[in-house]
């Protein structure tokens, strides 16, 4: 079984910046949007829990707010339920 390295501060900063960018659009978004190829996240290097923790940090800072739910579009998630977020300023 392959093990992933422990997250580094730089990775947290990258994830936080991706969420800030998504929030700044004013549109509703999900974690699926953070996996968009333009952001360059490698599923082999980022644990899903790390991305979830980044969303929690953004929510705790008041940068995003929960606005609903959606089904995942990612094959790996098999249509699992996701929270839908929106930038708090745009809310």
PDB file of N, CA and C in Angstrom:
ATOM      1  N   UNK A   1       0.841  -1.182   0.000  1.00  0.00           N
ATOM      2  CA  UNK A   1       0.000   0.000   0.000  1.00  0.00           C
ATOM      3  C   UNK A   1       0.888   1.249   0.000  1.00  0.00           C
ATOM      4  N   UNK A   2       0.532   2.187  -0.838  1.00  0.00           N
ATOM      5  CA  UNK A   2       1.279   3.434  -0.953  1.00  0.00           C
ATOM      6  C   UNK A   2       0.861   4.399   0.148  1.00  0.00           C
ATOM      7  N   UNK A   3       1.823   5.017   0.787  1.00  0.00           N
ATOM      8  CA  UNK A   3       1.512   6.011   1.812  1.00  0.00           C
ATOM      9  C   UNK A   3       1.850   7.393   1.280  1.00  0.00           C
ATOM     10  N   UNK A   4       1.055   8.341   1.674  1.00  0.00           N
ATOM     11  CA  UNK A   4       1.255   9.723   1.248  1.00  0.00           C
ATOM     12  C   UNK A   4       2.070  10.469   2.287  1.00  0.00           C
ATOM     13  N   UNK A   5       2.865  11.444   1.845  1.00  0.00           N
ATOM     14  CA  UNK A   5       3.630  12.225   2.811  1.00  0.00           C
ATOM     15  C   UNK A   5       2.713  13.084   3.670  1.00  0.00           C
ATOM     16  N   UNK A   6       3.217  13.457   4.832  1.00  0.00           N
ATOM     17  CA  UNK A   6       2.464  14.352   5.707  1.00  0.00           C
ATOM     18  C   UNK A   6       2.326  15.712   5.028  1.00  0.00           C
ATOM     19  N   UNK A   7       1.199  16.373   5.241  1.00  0.00           N
ATOM     20  CA  UNK A   7       1.008  17.684   4.605  1.00  0.00           C
ATOM     21  C   UNK A   7       2.005  18.703   5.146  1.00  0.00           C
ATOM     22  N   UNK A   8       2.435  19.564   4.281  1.00  0.00           N
ATOM     23  CA  UNK A   8       3.352  20.639   4.660  1.00  0.00           C
ATOM     24  C   UNK A   8       2.588  21.950   4.701  1.00  0.00           C
ATOM     25  N   UNK A   9       3.206  22.930   5.326  1.00  0.00           N
ATOM     26  CA  UNK A   9       2.573  24.253   5.403  1.00  0.00           C
ATOM     27  C   UNK A   9       2.330  24.823   4.004  1.00  0.00           C
ATOM     28  N   UNK A  10       3.232  24.556   3.061  1.00  0.00           N
ATOM     29  CA  UNK A  10       3.054  25.096   1.703  1.00  0.00           C
ATOM     30  C   UNK A  10       1.805  24.514   1.065  1.00  0.00           C
ATOM     31  N   UNK A  11       1.528  23.232   1.332  1.00  0.00           N
ATOM     32  CA  UNK A  11       0.345  22.604   0.749  1.00  0.00           C
ATOM     33  C   UNK A  11      -0.925  23.217   1.336  1.00  0.00           C
ATOM     34  N   UNK A  12      -0.928  23.461   2.633  1.00  0.00           N
ATOM     35  CA  UNK A  12      -2.068  24.140   3.254  1.00  0.00           C
ATOM     36  C   UNK A  12      -2.277  25.508   2.610  1.00  0.00           C
ATOM     37  N   UNK A  13      -1.185  26.228   2.377  1.00  0.00           N
ATOM     38  CA  UNK A  13      -1.286  27.553   1.771  1.00  0.00           C
ATOM     39  C   UNK A  13      -1.845  27.474   0.352  1.00  0.00           C
ATOM     40  N   UNK A  14      -1.429  26.458  -0.407  1.00  0.00           N
ATOM     41  CA  UNK A  14      -1.943  26.286  -1.772  1.00  0.00           C
ATOM     42  C   UNK A  14      -3.439  25.994  -1.743  1.00  0.00           C
ATOM     43  N   UNK A  15      -3.861  25.091  -0.871  1.00  0.00           N
ATOM     44  CA  UNK A  15      -5.281  24.751  -0.772  1.00  0.00           C
ATOM     45  C   UNK A  15      -6.098  25.959  -0.336  1.00  0.00           C
ATOM     46  N   UNK A  16      -5.582  26.700   0.631  1.00  0.00           N
ATOM     47  CA  UNK A  16      -6.280  27.915   1.085  1.00  0.00           C
ATOM     48  C   UNK A  16      -6.423  28.914  -0.061  1.00  0.00           C
ATOM     49  N   UNK A  17      -5.391  29.060  -0.864  1.00  0.00           N
ATOM     50  CA  UNK A  17      -5.425  30.023  -1.981  1.00  0.00           C
ATOM     51  C   UNK A  17      -6.431  29.589  -3.048  1.00  0.00           C
ATOM     52  N   UNK A  18      -6.521  28.295  -3.315  1.00  0.00           N
ATOM     53  CA  UNK A  18      -7.501  27.793  -4.287  1.00  0.00           C
ATOM     54  C   UNK A  18      -8.912  28.133  -3.817  1.00  0.00           C
ATOM     55  N   UNK A  19      -9.192  27.895  -2.541  1.00  0.00           N
ATOM     56  CA  UNK A  19     -10.528  28.189  -2.002  1.00  0.00           C
ATOM     57  C   UNK A  19     -10.795  29.690  -2.039  1.00  0.00           C
ATOM     58  N   UNK A  20      -9.792  30.499  -1.723  1.00  0.00           N
ATOM     59  CA  UNK A  20      -9.966  31.951  -1.802  1.00  0.00           C
ATOM     60  C   UNK A  20     -10.312  32.372  -3.230  1.00  0.00           C
ATOM     61  N   UNK A  21      -9.654  31.760  -4.209  1.00  0.00           N
ATOM     62  CA  UNK A  21      -9.930  32.085  -5.613  1.00  0.00           C
ATOM     63  C   UNK A  21     -11.359  31.700  -5.979  1.00  0.00           C
ATOM     64  N   UNK A  22     -11.786  30.506  -5.583  1.00  0.00           N
ATOM     65  CA  UNK A  22     -13.150  30.059  -5.866  1.00  0.00           C
ATOM     66  C   UNK A  22     -14.166  30.985  -5.189  1.00  0.00           C
ATOM     67  N   UNK A  23     -13.893  31.368  -3.951  1.00  0.00           N
ATOM     68  CA  UNK A  23     -14.812  32.247  -3.213  1.00  0.00           C
ATOM     69  C   UNK A  23     -14.919  33.615  -3.874  1.00  0.00           C
ATOM     70  N   UNK A  24     -13.823  34.100  -4.433  1.00  0.00           N
ATOM     71  CA  UNK A  24     -13.808  35.431  -5.033  1.00  0.00           C
ATOM     72  C   UNK A  24     -14.658  35.522  -6.302  1.00  0.00           C
ATOM     73  N   UNK A  25     -14.998  34.387  -6.897  1.00  0.00           N
ATOM     74  CA  UNK A  25     -15.814  34.417  -8.111  1.00  0.00           C
ATOM     75  C   UNK A  25     -17.246  34.848  -7.827  1.00  0.00           C
ATOM     76  N   UNK A  26     -17.693  34.657  -6.591  1.00  0.00           N
ATOM     77  CA  UNK A  26     -19.069  34.982  -6.235  1.00  0.00           C
ATOM     78  C   UNK A  26     -20.055  33.863  -6.536  1.00  0.00           C
ATOM     79  N   UNK A  27     -19.618  32.863  -7.296  1.00  0.00           N
ATOM     80  CA  UNK A  27     -20.478  31.727  -7.643  1.00  0.00           C
ATOM     81  C   UNK A  27     -20.402  30.651  -6.565  1.00  0.00           C
ATOM     82  N   UNK A  28     -21.445  29.842  -6.475  1.00  0.00           N
ATOM     83  CA  UNK A  28     -21.420  28.701  -5.574  1.00  0.00           C
ATOM     84  C   UNK A  28     -20.414  27.681  -6.109  1.00  0.00           C
ATOM     85  N   UNK A  29     -19.736  26.964  -5.203  1.00  0.00           N
ATOM     86  CA  UNK A  29     -18.732  25.986  -5.617  1.00  0.00           C
ATOM     87  C   UNK A  29     -18.669  24.842  -4.619  1.00  0.00           C
ATOM     88  N   UNK A  30     -18.051  23.745  -5.035  1.00  0.00           N
ATOM     89  CA  UNK A  30     -17.864  22.569  -4.179  1.00  0.00           C
ATOM     90  C   UNK A  30     -16.389  22.183  -4.189  1.00  0.00           C
ATOM     91  N   UNK A  31     -16.052  21.193  -3.403  1.00  0.00           N
ATOM     92  CA  UNK A  31     -14.685  20.673  -3.399  1.00  0.00           C
ATOM     93  C   UNK A  31     -14.305  20.142  -4.777  1.00  0.00           C
ATOM     94  N   UNK A  32     -15.268  19.646  -5.546  1.00  0.00           N
ATOM     95  CA  UNK A  32     -14.961  19.186  -6.905  1.00  0.00           C
ATOM     96  C   UNK A  32     -14.296  20.287  -7.720  1.00  0.00           C
ATOM     97  N   UNK A  33     -14.721  21.518  -7.525  1.00  0.00           N
ATOM     98  CA  UNK A  33     -14.165  22.631  -8.292  1.00  0.00           C
ATOM     99  C   UNK A  33     -12.684  22.856  -7.977  1.00  0.00           C
ATOM    100  N   UNK A  34     -12.269  22.534  -6.754  1.00  0.00           N
ATOM    101  CA  UNK A  34     -10.863  22.691  -6.380  1.00  0.00           C
ATOM    102  C   UNK A  34      -9.969  21.687  -7.110  1.00  0.00           C
ATOM    103  N   UNK A  35     -10.565  20.602  -7.603  1.00  0.00           N
ATOM    104  CA  UNK A  35      -9.799  19.597  -8.350  1.00  0.00           C
ATOM    105  C   UNK A  35      -9.705  19.939  -9.832  1.00  0.00           C
ATOM    106  N   UNK A  36     -10.250  21.090 -10.243  1.00  0.00           N
ATOM    107  CA  UNK A  36     -10.156  21.510 -11.643  1.00  0.00           C
ATOM    108  C   UNK A  36      -8.681  21.488 -12.059  1.00  0.00           C
ATOM    109  N   UNK A  37      -8.386  20.965 -13.255  1.00  0.00           N
ATOM    110  CA  UNK A  37      -6.984  20.871 -13.690  1.00  0.00           C
ATOM    111  C   UNK A  37      -6.227  22.199 -13.671  1.00  0.00           C
ATOM    112  N   UNK A  38      -6.929  23.319 -13.792  1.00  0.00           N
ATOM    113  CA  UNK A  38      -6.211  24.598 -13.796  1.00  0.00           C
ATOM    114  C   UNK A  38      -5.495  24.869 -12.476  1.00  0.00           C
ATOM    115  N   UNK A  39      -5.939  24.218 -11.391  1.00  0.00           N
ATOM    116  CA  UNK A  39      -5.288  24.408 -10.097  1.00  0.00           C
ATOM    117  C   UNK A  39      -4.114  23.458  -9.885  1.00  0.00           C
ATOM    118  N   UNK A  40      -4.034  22.414 -10.667  1.00  0.00           N
ATOM    119  CA  UNK A  40      -2.881  21.521 -10.629  1.00  0.00           C
ATOM    120  C   UNK A  40      -2.773  20.607  -9.420  1.00  0.00           C
ATOM    121  N   UNK A  41      -3.877  20.344  -8.723  1.00  0.00           N
ATOM    122  CA  UNK A  41      -3.809  19.420  -7.590  1.00  0.00           C
ATOM    123  C   UNK A  41      -3.608  17.996  -8.100  1.00  0.00           C
ATOM    124  N   UNK A  42      -2.739  17.274  -7.452  1.00  0.00           N
ATOM    125  CA  UNK A  42      -2.467  15.887  -7.803  1.00  0.00           C
ATOM    126  C   UNK A  42      -3.127  14.999  -6.747  1.00  0.00           C
ATOM    127  N   UNK A  43      -4.159  14.216  -7.145  1.00  0.00           N
ATOM    128  CA  UNK A  43      -4.831  13.351  -6.160  1.00  0.00           C
ATOM    129  C   UNK A  43      -3.882  12.375  -5.475  1.00  0.00           C
ATOM    130  N   UNK A  44      -2.752  12.099  -6.102  1.00  0.00           N
ATOM    131  CA  UNK A  44      -1.771  11.215  -5.484  1.00  0.00           C
ATOM    132  C   UNK A  44      -0.957  11.882  -4.397  1.00  0.00           C
ATOM    133  N   UNK A  45      -1.054  13.190  -4.295  1.00  0.00           N
ATOM    134  CA  UNK A  45      -0.277  13.922  -3.296  1.00  0.00           C
ATOM    135  C   UNK A  45      -1.130  14.660  -2.278  1.00  0.00           C
ATOM    136  N   UNK A  46      -2.419  14.766  -2.522  1.00  0.00           N
ATOM    137  CA  UNK A  46      -3.314  15.494  -1.609  1.00  0.00           C
ATOM    138  C   UNK A  46      -4.364  14.525  -1.084  1.00  0.00           C
ATOM    139  N   UNK A  47      -4.367  14.340   0.209  1.00  0.00           N
ATOM    140  CA  UNK A  47      -5.409  13.506   0.817  1.00  0.00           C
ATOM    141  C   UNK A  47      -6.728  14.282   0.780  1.00  0.00           C
ATOM    142  N   UNK A  48      -7.849  13.590   0.526  1.00  0.00           N
ATOM    143  CA  UNK A  48      -9.143  14.296   0.527  1.00  0.00           C
ATOM    144  C   UNK A  48      -9.410  15.022   1.846  1.00  0.00           C
ATOM    145  N   UNK A  49      -8.963  14.464   2.939  1.00  0.00           N
ATOM    146  CA  UNK A  49      -9.158  15.109   4.231  1.00  0.00           C
ATOM    147  C   UNK A  49      -8.435  16.435   4.353  1.00  0.00           C
ATOM    148  N   UNK A  50      -7.315  16.588   3.638  1.00  0.00           N
ATOM    149  CA  UNK A  50      -6.581  17.841   3.664  1.00  0.00           C
ATOM    150  C   UNK A  50      -7.384  18.942   2.978  1.00  0.00           C
ATOM    151  N   UNK A  51      -8.044  18.578   1.890  1.00  0.00           N
ATOM    152  CA  UNK A  51      -8.891  19.557   1.203  1.00  0.00           C
ATOM    153  C   UNK A  51     -10.086  19.920   2.087  1.00  0.00           C
ATOM    154  N   UNK A  52     -10.671  18.923   2.734  1.00  0.00           N
ATOM    155  CA  UNK A  52     -11.778  19.183   3.660  1.00  0.00           C
ATOM    156  C   UNK A  52     -11.357  20.096   4.797  1.00  0.00           C
ATOM    157  N   UNK A  53     -10.153  19.889   5.304  1.00  0.00           N
ATOM    158  CA  UNK A  53      -9.642  20.741   6.379  1.00  0.00           C
ATOM    159  C   UNK A  53      -9.454  22.176   5.901  1.00  0.00           C
ATOM    160  N   UNK A  54      -9.047  22.341   4.644  1.00  0.00           N
ATOM    161  CA  UNK A  54      -8.888  23.687   4.086  1.00  0.00           C
ATOM    162  C   UNK A  54     -10.241  24.397   3.990  1.00  0.00           C
ATOM    163  N   UNK A  55     -11.282  23.649   3.596  1.00  0.00           N
ATOM    164  CA  UNK A  55     -12.622  24.241   3.553  1.00  0.00           C
ATOM    165  C   UNK A  55     -13.069  24.627   4.966  1.00  0.00           C
ATOM    166  N   UNK A  56     -12.762  23.800   5.950  1.00  0.00           N
ATOM    167  CA  UNK A  56     -13.140  24.109   7.332  1.00  0.00           C
ATOM    168  C   UNK A  56     -12.413  25.356   7.817  1.00  0.00           C
ATOM    169  N   UNK A  57     -11.121  25.477   7.483  1.00  0.00           N
ATOM    170  CA  UNK A  57     -10.374  26.683   7.875  1.00  0.00           C
ATOM    171  C   UNK A  57     -11.002  27.930   7.259  1.00  0.00           C
ATOM    172  N   UNK A  58     -11.355  27.847   5.976  1.00  0.00           N
ATOM    173  CA  UNK A  58     -11.968  28.999   5.293  1.00  0.00           C
ATOM    174  C   UNK A  58     -13.308  29.359   5.924  1.00  0.00           C
ATOM    175  N   UNK A  59     -14.081  28.346   6.279  1.00  0.00           N
ATOM    176  CA  UNK A  59     -15.370  28.587   6.931  1.00  0.00           C
ATOM    177  C   UNK A  59     -15.165  29.217   8.304  1.00  0.00           C
ATOM    178  N   UNK A  60     -14.224  28.698   9.072  1.00  0.00           N
ATOM    179  CA  UNK A  60     -13.946  29.239  10.410  1.00  0.00           C
ATOM    180  C   UNK A  60     -13.458  30.684  10.356  1.00  0.00           C
ATOM    181  N   UNK A  61     -12.750  31.040   9.280  1.00  0.00           N
ATOM    182  CA  UNK A  61     -12.278  32.425   9.101  1.00  0.00           C
ATOM    183  C   UNK A  61     -13.393  33.342   8.641  1.00  0.00           C
ATOM    184  N   UNK A  62     -14.505  32.770   8.232  1.00  0.00           N
ATOM    185  CA  UNK A  62     -15.603  33.583   7.719  1.00  0.00           C
ATOM    186  C   UNK A  62     -15.453  33.924   6.246  1.00  0.00           C
ATOM    187  N   UNK A  63     -14.549  33.244   5.542  1.00  0.00           N
ATOM    188  CA  UNK A  63     -14.305  33.529   4.130  1.00  0.00           C
ATOM    189  C   UNK A  63     -15.363  32.906   3.226  1.00  0.00           C
ATOM    190  N   UNK A  64     -15.957  31.797   3.668  1.00  0.00           N
ATOM    191  CA  UNK A  64     -16.990  31.116   2.884  1.00  0.00           C
ATOM    192  C   UNK A  64     -18.149  30.740   3.795  1.00  0.00           C
ATOM    193  N   UNK A  65     -19.305  30.540   3.161  1.00  0.00           N
ATOM    194  CA  UNK A  65     -20.462  30.072   3.938  1.00  0.00           C
ATOM    195  C   UNK A  65     -21.150  28.950   3.170  1.00  0.00           C
ATOM    196  N   UNK A  66     -21.738  28.053   3.917  1.00  0.00           N
ATOM    197  CA  UNK A  66     -22.456  26.906   3.353  1.00  0.00           C
ATOM    198  C   UNK A  66     -23.781  27.394   2.780  1.00  0.00           C
ATOM    199  N   UNK A  67     -24.051  27.017   1.495  1.00  0.00           N
ATOM    200  CA  UNK A  67     -25.289  27.476   0.858  1.00  0.00           C
ATOM    201  C   UNK A  67     -26.149  26.338   0.312  1.00  0.00           C
ATOM    202  N   UNK A  68     -25.694  25.107   0.422  1.00  0.00           N
ATOM    203  CA  UNK A  68     -26.494  23.993  -0.077  1.00  0.00           C
ATOM    204  C   UNK A  68     -25.678  22.721  -0.232  1.00  0.00           C
ATOM    205  N   UNK A  69     -26.208  21.829  -1.053  1.00  0.00           N
ATOM    206  CA  UNK A  69     -25.567  20.537  -1.289  1.00  0.00           C
ATOM    207  C   UNK A  69     -25.603  20.225  -2.779  1.00  0.00           C
ATOM    208  N   UNK A  70     -24.688  19.371  -3.208  1.00  0.00           N
ATOM    209  CA  UNK A  70     -24.642  18.923  -4.602  1.00  0.00           C
ATOM    210  C   UNK A  70     -24.070  17.512  -4.622  1.00  0.00           C
ATOM    211  N   UNK A  71     -24.259  16.822  -5.731  1.00  0.00           N
ATOM    212  CA  UNK A  71     -23.656  15.513  -5.918  1.00  0.00           C
ATOM    213  C   UNK A  71     -22.325  15.680  -6.639  1.00  0.00           C
ATOM    214  N   UNK A  72     -21.343  14.911  -6.216  1.00  0.00           N
ATOM    215  CA  UNK A  72     -20.021  15.011  -6.806  1.00  0.00           C
ATOM    216  C   UNK A  72     -20.034  14.606  -8.275  1.00  0.00           C
ATOM    217  N   UNK A  73     -19.240  15.317  -9.051  1.00  0.00           N
ATOM    218  CA  UNK A  73     -19.061  15.000 -10.471  1.00  0.00           C
ATOM    219  C   UNK A  73     -17.836  14.131 -10.695  1.00  0.00           C
ATOM    220  N   UNK A  74     -17.024  13.969  -9.668  1.00  0.00           N
ATOM    221  CA  UNK A  74     -15.778  13.207  -9.811  1.00  0.00           C
ATOM    222  C   UNK A  74     -16.051  11.710  -9.759  1.00  0.00           C
ATOM    223  N   UNK A  75     -15.452  11.008 -10.682  1.00  0.00           N
ATOM    224  CA  UNK A  75     -15.638   9.557 -10.759  1.00  0.00           C
ATOM    225  C   UNK A  75     -15.251   8.868  -9.449  1.00  0.00           C
ATOM    226  N   UNK A  76     -14.170   9.313  -8.839  1.00  0.00           N
ATOM    227  CA  UNK A  76     -13.691   8.703  -7.597  1.00  0.00           C
ATOM    228  C   UNK A  76     -14.684   8.833  -6.448  1.00  0.00           C
ATOM    229  N   UNK A  77     -15.581   9.811  -6.528  1.00  0.00           N
ATOM    230  CA  UNK A  77     -16.560  10.045  -5.453  1.00  0.00           C
ATOM    231  C   UNK A  77     -17.899   9.365  -5.705  1.00  0.00           C
ATOM    232  N   UNK A  78     -18.100   8.811  -6.896  1.00  0.00           N
ATOM    233  CA  UNK A  78     -19.313   8.035  -7.203  1.00  0.00           C
ATOM    234  C   UNK A  78     -20.603   8.783  -6.864  1.00  0.00           C
ATOM    235  N   UNK A  79     -20.656  10.063  -7.162  1.00  0.00           N
ATOM    236  CA  UNK A  79     -21.875  10.835  -6.921  1.00  0.00           C
ATOM    237  C   UNK A  79     -22.149  11.141  -5.458  1.00  0.00           C
ATOM    238  N   UNK A  80     -21.119  11.096  -4.621  1.00  0.00           N
ATOM    239  CA  UNK A  80     -21.294  11.377  -3.195  1.00  0.00           C
ATOM    240  C   UNK A  80     -21.759  12.807  -2.935  1.00  0.00           C
ATOM    241  N   UNK A  81     -22.362  13.010  -1.785  1.00  0.00           N
ATOM    242  CA  UNK A  81     -22.902  14.311  -1.402  1.00  0.00           C
ATOM    243  C   UNK A  81     -21.777  15.270  -1.001  1.00  0.00           C
ATOM    244  N   UNK A  82     -21.851  16.486  -1.492  1.00  0.00           N
ATOM    245  CA  UNK A  82     -20.884  17.534  -1.182  1.00  0.00           C
ATOM    246  C   UNK A  82     -21.619  18.774  -0.682  1.00  0.00           C
ATOM    247  N   UNK A  83     -20.963  19.529   0.165  1.00  0.00           N
ATOM    248  CA  UNK A  83     -21.487  20.848   0.524  1.00  0.00           C
ATOM    249  C   UNK A  83     -21.218  21.808  -0.617  1.00  0.00           C
ATOM    250  N   UNK A  84     -22.111  22.757  -0.778  1.00  0.00           N
ATOM    251  CA  UNK A  84     -21.922  23.843  -1.728  1.00  0.00           C
ATOM    252  C   UNK A  84     -21.602  25.092  -0.912  1.00  0.00           C
ATOM    253  N   UNK A  85     -20.574  25.810  -1.349  1.00  0.00           N
ATOM    254  CA  UNK A  85     -20.083  26.980  -0.629  1.00  0.00           C
ATOM    255  C   UNK A  85     -20.169  28.213  -1.511  1.00  0.00           C
ATOM    256  N   UNK A  86     -20.112  29.353  -0.867  1.00  0.00           N
ATOM    257  CA  UNK A  86     -20.049  30.620  -1.588  1.00  0.00           C
ATOM    258  C   UNK A  86     -19.187  31.570  -0.768  1.00  0.00           C
ATOM    259  N   UNK A  87     -18.474  32.441  -1.452  1.00  0.00           N
ATOM    260  CA  UNK A  87     -17.678  33.429  -0.742  1.00  0.00           C
ATOM    261  C   UNK A  87     -18.568  34.258   0.168  1.00  0.00           C
ATOM    262  N   UNK A  88     -18.133  34.491   1.386  1.00  0.00           N
ATOM    263  CA  UNK A  88     -18.954  35.206   2.363  1.00  0.00           C
ATOM    264  C   UNK A  88     -19.240  36.640   1.934  1.00  0.00           C
ATOM    265  N   UNK A  89     -18.326  37.263   1.231  1.00  0.00           N
ATOM    266  CA  UNK A  89     -18.527  38.633   0.768  1.00  0.00           C
ATOM    267  C   UNK A  89     -19.631  38.666  -0.284  1.00  0.00           C
ATOM    268  N   UNK A  90     -19.674  37.618  -1.123  1.00  0.00           N
ATOM    269  CA  UNK A  90     -20.682  37.559  -2.179  1.00  0.00           C
ATOM    270  C   UNK A  90     -22.031  37.097  -1.663  1.00  0.00           C
ATOM    271  N   UNK A  91     -22.050  36.560  -0.452  1.00  0.00           N
ATOM    272  CA  UNK A  91     -23.286  35.957   0.076  1.00  0.00           C
ATOM    273  C   UNK A  91     -24.341  36.967   0.402  1.00  0.00           C
TER     274      UNK A  91
END
